[in-house]
């Protein structure tokens, strides 16, 4: 997701799941043109860390989402909390999988695919 209007629409839905590291907000996609895929975005506040830390977290989350089998037709926003700055890839991956499983957004195979 790239437009702020898309983020605003997801925030207005008030459908969320939270953990110590992340908050997951979801909404059904409005337009039928993107119904074959799920879109995702990240919100990382400056309190989480400097630009290097925030970009590292964003890259890790993007890679996790690329490998996960997702159900189509959803807009997903991850809001990163401050403790995520000190977590390694594996810990963040576990948290993402648990939140997506609680939201029932994972596809048939819940394991992360390796290319």
N, C-alpha and C. Protein backbone atom coordinates (compact mmCIF):
# COMPACT_ATOMS: atom_id res chain seq x y z
N UNK A 1 0.84 -1.17 0.00
CA UNK A 1 0.00 0.00 0.00
C UNK A 1 0.89 1.23 0.00
N UNK A 2 0.50 2.21 -0.79
CA UNK A 2 1.32 3.41 -0.90
C UNK A 2 0.55 4.70 -0.60
N UNK A 3 -0.74 4.70 -0.73
CA UNK A 3 -1.51 5.93 -0.54
C UNK A 3 -1.96 6.08 0.90
N UNK A 4 -1.93 7.32 1.40
CA UNK A 4 -2.35 7.55 2.78
C UNK A 4 -3.85 7.30 2.94
N UNK A 5 -4.63 7.43 1.88
CA UNK A 5 -6.07 7.14 1.95
C UNK A 5 -6.31 5.67 2.25
N UNK A 6 -5.46 4.79 1.72
CA UNK A 6 -5.58 3.36 2.01
C UNK A 6 -5.28 3.07 3.48
N UNK A 7 -4.24 3.72 4.01
CA UNK A 7 -3.92 3.55 5.43
C UNK A 7 -5.06 4.07 6.31
N UNK A 8 -5.60 5.23 5.96
CA UNK A 8 -6.70 5.81 6.74
C UNK A 8 -7.91 4.88 6.76
N UNK A 9 -8.21 4.27 5.63
CA UNK A 9 -9.36 3.36 5.56
C UNK A 9 -9.14 2.14 6.47
N UNK A 10 -7.92 1.63 6.50
CA UNK A 10 -7.62 0.49 7.36
C UNK A 10 -7.73 0.90 8.83
N UNK A 11 -7.23 2.09 9.17
CA UNK A 11 -7.30 2.56 10.56
C UNK A 11 -8.74 2.78 11.01
N UNK A 12 -9.61 3.20 10.11
CA UNK A 12 -11.02 3.44 10.47
C UNK A 12 -11.77 2.14 10.74
N UNK A 13 -11.31 1.01 10.22
CA UNK A 13 -12.01 -0.26 10.40
C UNK A 13 -12.00 -0.73 11.85
N UNK A 14 -10.98 -0.37 12.60
CA UNK A 14 -10.87 -0.74 14.02
C UNK A 14 -10.83 -2.26 14.24
N UNK A 15 -10.37 -3.00 13.25
CA UNK A 15 -10.17 -4.43 13.40
C UNK A 15 -8.68 -4.65 13.60
N UNK A 16 -8.28 -5.08 14.82
CA UNK A 16 -6.86 -5.17 15.09
C UNK A 16 -6.54 -6.32 16.03
N UNK A 17 -5.30 -6.76 15.96
CA UNK A 17 -4.73 -7.75 16.85
C UNK A 17 -3.38 -7.20 17.29
N UNK A 18 -3.02 -7.42 18.54
CA UNK A 18 -1.79 -6.83 19.06
C UNK A 18 -0.93 -7.86 19.76
N UNK A 19 0.36 -7.60 19.76
CA UNK A 19 1.33 -8.38 20.52
C UNK A 19 2.30 -7.40 21.15
N UNK A 20 3.34 -7.92 21.76
CA UNK A 20 4.33 -7.07 22.40
C UNK A 20 5.12 -6.25 21.37
N UNK A 21 5.29 -6.79 20.17
CA UNK A 21 6.13 -6.16 19.16
C UNK A 21 5.36 -5.40 18.09
N UNK A 22 4.16 -5.88 17.74
CA UNK A 22 3.43 -5.35 16.59
C UNK A 22 1.94 -5.21 16.88
N UNK A 23 1.30 -4.34 16.11
CA UNK A 23 -0.15 -4.26 16.06
C UNK A 23 -0.54 -4.52 14.61
N UNK A 24 -1.48 -5.41 14.39
CA UNK A 24 -1.94 -5.76 13.05
C UNK A 24 -3.33 -5.17 12.85
N UNK A 25 -3.49 -4.34 11.82
CA UNK A 25 -4.80 -3.77 11.48
C UNK A 25 -5.15 -4.26 10.08
N UNK A 26 -6.40 -4.66 9.87
CA UNK A 26 -6.81 -5.20 8.57
C UNK A 26 -8.14 -4.60 8.13
N UNK A 27 -8.35 -4.61 6.83
CA UNK A 27 -9.62 -4.20 6.22
C UNK A 27 -9.76 -4.94 4.90
N UNK A 28 -10.99 -5.19 4.52
CA UNK A 28 -11.26 -5.81 3.22
C UNK A 28 -11.01 -4.75 2.15
N UNK A 29 -10.39 -5.17 1.04
CA UNK A 29 -10.11 -4.22 -0.03
C UNK A 29 -11.41 -3.70 -0.62
N UNK A 30 -11.42 -2.41 -0.94
CA UNK A 30 -12.62 -1.77 -1.49
C UNK A 30 -12.81 -2.09 -2.97
N UNK A 31 -11.74 -1.96 -3.74
CA UNK A 31 -11.89 -2.15 -5.18
C UNK A 31 -11.68 -3.60 -5.56
N UNK A 32 -12.39 -4.03 -6.57
CA UNK A 32 -12.32 -5.43 -7.01
C UNK A 32 -11.09 -5.69 -7.88
N UNK A 33 -10.40 -4.62 -8.33
CA UNK A 33 -9.26 -4.83 -9.22
C UNK A 33 -8.09 -5.51 -8.51
N UNK A 34 -7.92 -5.28 -7.21
CA UNK A 34 -6.82 -5.89 -6.48
C UNK A 34 -7.26 -7.06 -5.63
N UNK A 35 -8.41 -7.65 -5.92
CA UNK A 35 -8.97 -8.70 -5.08
C UNK A 35 -8.16 -10.00 -5.14
N UNK A 36 -7.28 -10.16 -6.14
CA UNK A 36 -6.50 -11.38 -6.25
C UNK A 36 -5.30 -11.43 -5.33
N UNK A 37 -4.96 -10.30 -4.71
CA UNK A 37 -3.79 -10.24 -3.83
C UNK A 37 -4.16 -9.53 -2.54
N UNK A 38 -3.32 -9.67 -1.56
CA UNK A 38 -3.45 -8.88 -0.33
C UNK A 38 -2.33 -7.86 -0.32
N UNK A 39 -2.67 -6.62 0.02
CA UNK A 39 -1.67 -5.56 0.08
C UNK A 39 -1.29 -5.34 1.53
N UNK A 40 -0.09 -4.86 1.76
CA UNK A 40 0.36 -4.62 3.12
C UNK A 40 1.21 -3.35 3.18
N UNK A 41 1.26 -2.77 4.37
CA UNK A 41 2.07 -1.59 4.62
C UNK A 41 2.54 -1.60 6.05
N UNK A 42 3.49 -0.72 6.34
CA UNK A 42 4.09 -0.68 7.67
C UNK A 42 4.09 0.74 8.19
N UNK A 43 3.84 0.88 9.48
CA UNK A 43 3.88 2.17 10.15
C UNK A 43 4.90 2.04 11.28
N UNK A 44 6.00 2.78 11.15
CA UNK A 44 7.08 2.70 12.13
C UNK A 44 7.39 4.10 12.62
N UNK A 45 7.10 4.36 13.87
CA UNK A 45 7.31 5.67 14.47
C UNK A 45 8.79 5.92 14.73
N UNK A 46 9.18 7.18 14.80
CA UNK A 46 10.57 7.52 15.07
C UNK A 46 11.02 7.10 16.46
N UNK A 47 10.08 6.89 17.36
CA UNK A 47 10.43 6.43 18.71
C UNK A 47 11.01 5.02 18.70
N UNK A 48 10.75 4.25 17.65
CA UNK A 48 11.28 2.89 17.55
C UNK A 48 12.80 2.93 17.41
N UNK A 49 13.33 3.91 16.70
CA UNK A 49 14.77 4.02 16.51
C UNK A 49 15.08 4.95 15.37
N UNK A 50 16.35 5.05 15.04
CA UNK A 50 16.79 5.89 13.94
C UNK A 50 16.39 5.29 12.59
N UNK A 51 16.78 5.98 11.54
CA UNK A 51 16.41 5.56 10.19
C UNK A 51 16.95 4.17 9.85
N UNK A 52 18.16 3.87 10.30
CA UNK A 52 18.76 2.57 10.01
C UNK A 52 17.95 1.45 10.65
N UNK A 53 17.56 1.64 11.90
CA UNK A 53 16.78 0.64 12.63
C UNK A 53 15.41 0.47 11.99
N UNK A 54 14.74 1.57 11.69
CA UNK A 54 13.40 1.51 11.09
C UNK A 54 13.44 0.83 9.72
N UNK A 55 14.44 1.14 8.91
CA UNK A 55 14.54 0.51 7.59
C UNK A 55 14.87 -0.96 7.69
N UNK A 56 15.66 -1.36 8.68
CA UNK A 56 15.97 -2.79 8.87
C UNK A 56 14.69 -3.55 9.22
N UNK A 57 13.89 -3.00 10.12
CA UNK A 57 12.63 -3.64 10.49
C UNK A 57 11.72 -3.73 9.28
N UNK A 58 11.64 -2.66 8.50
CA UNK A 58 10.78 -2.63 7.31
C UNK A 58 11.22 -3.68 6.29
N UNK A 59 12.52 -3.81 6.07
CA UNK A 59 13.03 -4.82 5.13
C UNK A 59 12.71 -6.23 5.60
N UNK A 60 12.88 -6.46 6.90
CA UNK A 60 12.57 -7.79 7.44
C UNK A 60 11.09 -8.10 7.29
N UNK A 61 10.23 -7.18 7.62
CA UNK A 61 8.78 -7.41 7.50
C UNK A 61 8.38 -7.63 6.05
N UNK A 62 8.95 -6.85 5.14
CA UNK A 62 8.62 -7.00 3.72
C UNK A 62 9.01 -8.39 3.22
N UNK A 63 10.17 -8.88 3.64
CA UNK A 63 10.62 -10.21 3.23
C UNK A 63 9.72 -11.30 3.81
N UNK A 64 9.31 -11.15 5.05
CA UNK A 64 8.40 -12.13 5.66
C UNK A 64 7.08 -12.18 4.91
N UNK A 65 6.54 -11.02 4.59
CA UNK A 65 5.26 -10.97 3.90
C UNK A 65 5.37 -11.52 2.48
N UNK A 66 6.51 -11.34 1.86
CA UNK A 66 6.71 -11.88 0.51
C UNK A 66 6.68 -13.40 0.51
N UNK A 67 7.18 -14.01 1.58
CA UNK A 67 7.27 -15.47 1.65
C UNK A 67 6.03 -16.14 2.20
N UNK A 68 5.17 -15.42 2.89
CA UNK A 68 4.00 -16.04 3.52
C UNK A 68 2.86 -16.26 2.52
N UNK A 69 2.19 -17.39 2.60
CA UNK A 69 1.00 -17.59 1.77
C UNK A 69 -0.19 -16.86 2.41
N UNK A 70 -0.68 -15.85 1.73
CA UNK A 70 -1.74 -15.00 2.28
C UNK A 70 -3.07 -15.25 1.57
N UNK A 71 -4.16 -15.06 2.31
CA UNK A 71 -5.47 -15.07 1.68
C UNK A 71 -5.63 -13.77 0.89
N UNK A 72 -6.23 -13.82 -0.28
CA UNK A 72 -6.34 -12.61 -1.12
C UNK A 72 -7.47 -11.69 -0.66
N UNK A 73 -7.34 -10.42 -1.06
CA UNK A 73 -8.41 -9.45 -0.88
C UNK A 73 -8.38 -8.65 0.41
N UNK A 74 -7.22 -8.54 1.06
CA UNK A 74 -7.12 -7.81 2.33
C UNK A 74 -6.09 -6.71 2.23
N UNK A 75 -6.34 -5.62 2.95
CA UNK A 75 -5.36 -4.57 3.17
C UNK A 75 -4.87 -4.73 4.59
N UNK A 76 -3.56 -4.83 4.77
CA UNK A 76 -2.96 -5.14 6.07
C UNK A 76 -1.95 -4.05 6.42
N UNK A 77 -2.02 -3.56 7.65
CA UNK A 77 -1.04 -2.58 8.14
C UNK A 77 -0.44 -3.12 9.43
N UNK A 78 0.89 -3.15 9.47
CA UNK A 78 1.61 -3.51 10.68
C UNK A 78 2.10 -2.22 11.34
N UNK A 79 1.74 -2.02 12.60
CA UNK A 79 2.24 -0.90 13.37
C UNK A 79 3.31 -1.46 14.30
N UNK A 80 4.53 -0.98 14.15
CA UNK A 80 5.67 -1.53 14.88
C UNK A 80 5.80 -0.81 16.22
N UNK A 81 5.96 -1.59 17.27
CA UNK A 81 6.16 -1.05 18.62
C UNK A 81 7.65 -0.99 18.93
N UNK A 82 8.00 -0.21 19.93
CA UNK A 82 9.40 0.04 20.28
C UNK A 82 10.22 -1.21 20.59
N UNK A 83 9.71 -2.22 21.30
CA UNK A 83 10.54 -3.40 21.59
C UNK A 83 11.00 -4.17 20.35
N UNK A 84 10.39 -3.94 19.19
CA UNK A 84 10.76 -4.66 17.97
C UNK A 84 12.16 -4.28 17.50
N UNK A 85 12.68 -3.15 17.95
CA UNK A 85 14.01 -2.71 17.52
C UNK A 85 15.10 -3.66 18.01
N UNK A 86 14.90 -4.33 19.12
CA UNK A 86 15.93 -5.20 19.67
C UNK A 86 15.73 -6.67 19.39
N UNK A 87 14.77 -7.03 18.54
CA UNK A 87 14.44 -8.42 18.26
C UNK A 87 15.11 -8.87 16.97
N UNK A 88 15.58 -10.11 16.95
CA UNK A 88 16.18 -10.65 15.74
C UNK A 88 15.11 -11.08 14.74
N UNK A 89 15.56 -11.53 13.56
CA UNK A 89 14.65 -11.91 12.48
C UNK A 89 13.69 -13.02 12.91
N UNK A 90 14.20 -14.03 13.59
CA UNK A 90 13.37 -15.17 14.01
C UNK A 90 12.27 -14.77 14.97
N UNK A 91 12.59 -13.92 15.93
CA UNK A 91 11.58 -13.48 16.89
C UNK A 91 10.50 -12.65 16.24
N UNK A 92 10.89 -11.78 15.32
CA UNK A 92 9.92 -10.96 14.60
C UNK A 92 9.06 -11.83 13.69
N UNK A 93 9.68 -12.83 13.07
CA UNK A 93 8.96 -13.75 12.19
C UNK A 93 7.89 -14.53 12.96
N UNK A 94 8.23 -15.02 14.14
CA UNK A 94 7.26 -15.74 14.96
C UNK A 94 6.08 -14.86 15.33
N UNK A 95 6.37 -13.61 15.67
CA UNK A 95 5.32 -12.68 16.05
C UNK A 95 4.38 -12.39 14.87
N UNK A 96 4.95 -12.19 13.70
CA UNK A 96 4.14 -11.92 12.50
C UNK A 96 3.24 -13.12 12.20
N UNK A 97 3.80 -14.32 12.24
CA UNK A 97 3.01 -15.51 11.95
C UNK A 97 1.87 -15.69 12.95
N UNK A 98 2.14 -15.46 14.23
CA UNK A 98 1.10 -15.62 15.25
C UNK A 98 -0.03 -14.61 15.04
N UNK A 99 0.32 -13.36 14.74
CA UNK A 99 -0.72 -12.35 14.52
C UNK A 99 -1.55 -12.66 13.29
N UNK A 100 -0.90 -13.06 12.19
CA UNK A 100 -1.65 -13.39 10.98
C UNK A 100 -2.52 -14.63 11.17
N UNK A 101 -2.05 -15.59 11.96
CA UNK A 101 -2.85 -16.78 12.25
C UNK A 101 -4.06 -16.41 13.10
N UNK A 102 -3.87 -15.53 14.08
CA UNK A 102 -5.01 -15.09 14.90
C UNK A 102 -6.04 -14.34 14.07
N UNK A 103 -5.57 -13.61 13.07
CA UNK A 103 -6.48 -12.87 12.19
C UNK A 103 -7.04 -13.75 11.08
N UNK A 104 -6.58 -14.99 11.00
CA UNK A 104 -7.01 -15.96 9.97
C UNK A 104 -6.75 -15.44 8.56
N UNK A 105 -5.56 -14.89 8.36
CA UNK A 105 -5.19 -14.35 7.05
C UNK A 105 -4.17 -15.21 6.32
N UNK A 106 -3.68 -16.26 6.97
CA UNK A 106 -2.72 -17.13 6.31
C UNK A 106 -3.43 -18.09 5.38
N UNK A 107 -2.72 -18.45 4.30
CA UNK A 107 -3.27 -19.39 3.34
C UNK A 107 -3.21 -20.81 3.86
N UNK A 108 -3.18 -21.78 2.94
CA UNK A 108 -3.23 -23.20 3.31
C UNK A 108 -2.02 -23.62 4.13
N UNK A 109 -0.83 -23.28 3.66
CA UNK A 109 0.41 -23.68 4.32
C UNK A 109 0.88 -22.51 5.18
N UNK A 110 0.92 -22.67 6.49
CA UNK A 110 1.26 -21.58 7.40
C UNK A 110 2.77 -21.40 7.57
N UNK A 111 3.56 -22.22 6.92
CA UNK A 111 5.02 -22.10 7.05
C UNK A 111 5.54 -21.08 6.05
N UNK A 112 6.62 -20.42 6.40
CA UNK A 112 7.25 -19.46 5.48
C UNK A 112 7.95 -20.23 4.38
N UNK A 113 7.72 -19.82 3.15
CA UNK A 113 8.32 -20.49 2.00
C UNK A 113 9.73 -19.95 1.79
N UNK A 114 10.63 -20.82 1.42
CA UNK A 114 11.97 -20.41 1.04
C UNK A 114 12.04 -20.43 -0.47
N UNK A 115 12.62 -19.40 -1.08
CA UNK A 115 12.66 -19.36 -2.55
C UNK A 115 13.54 -20.43 -3.15
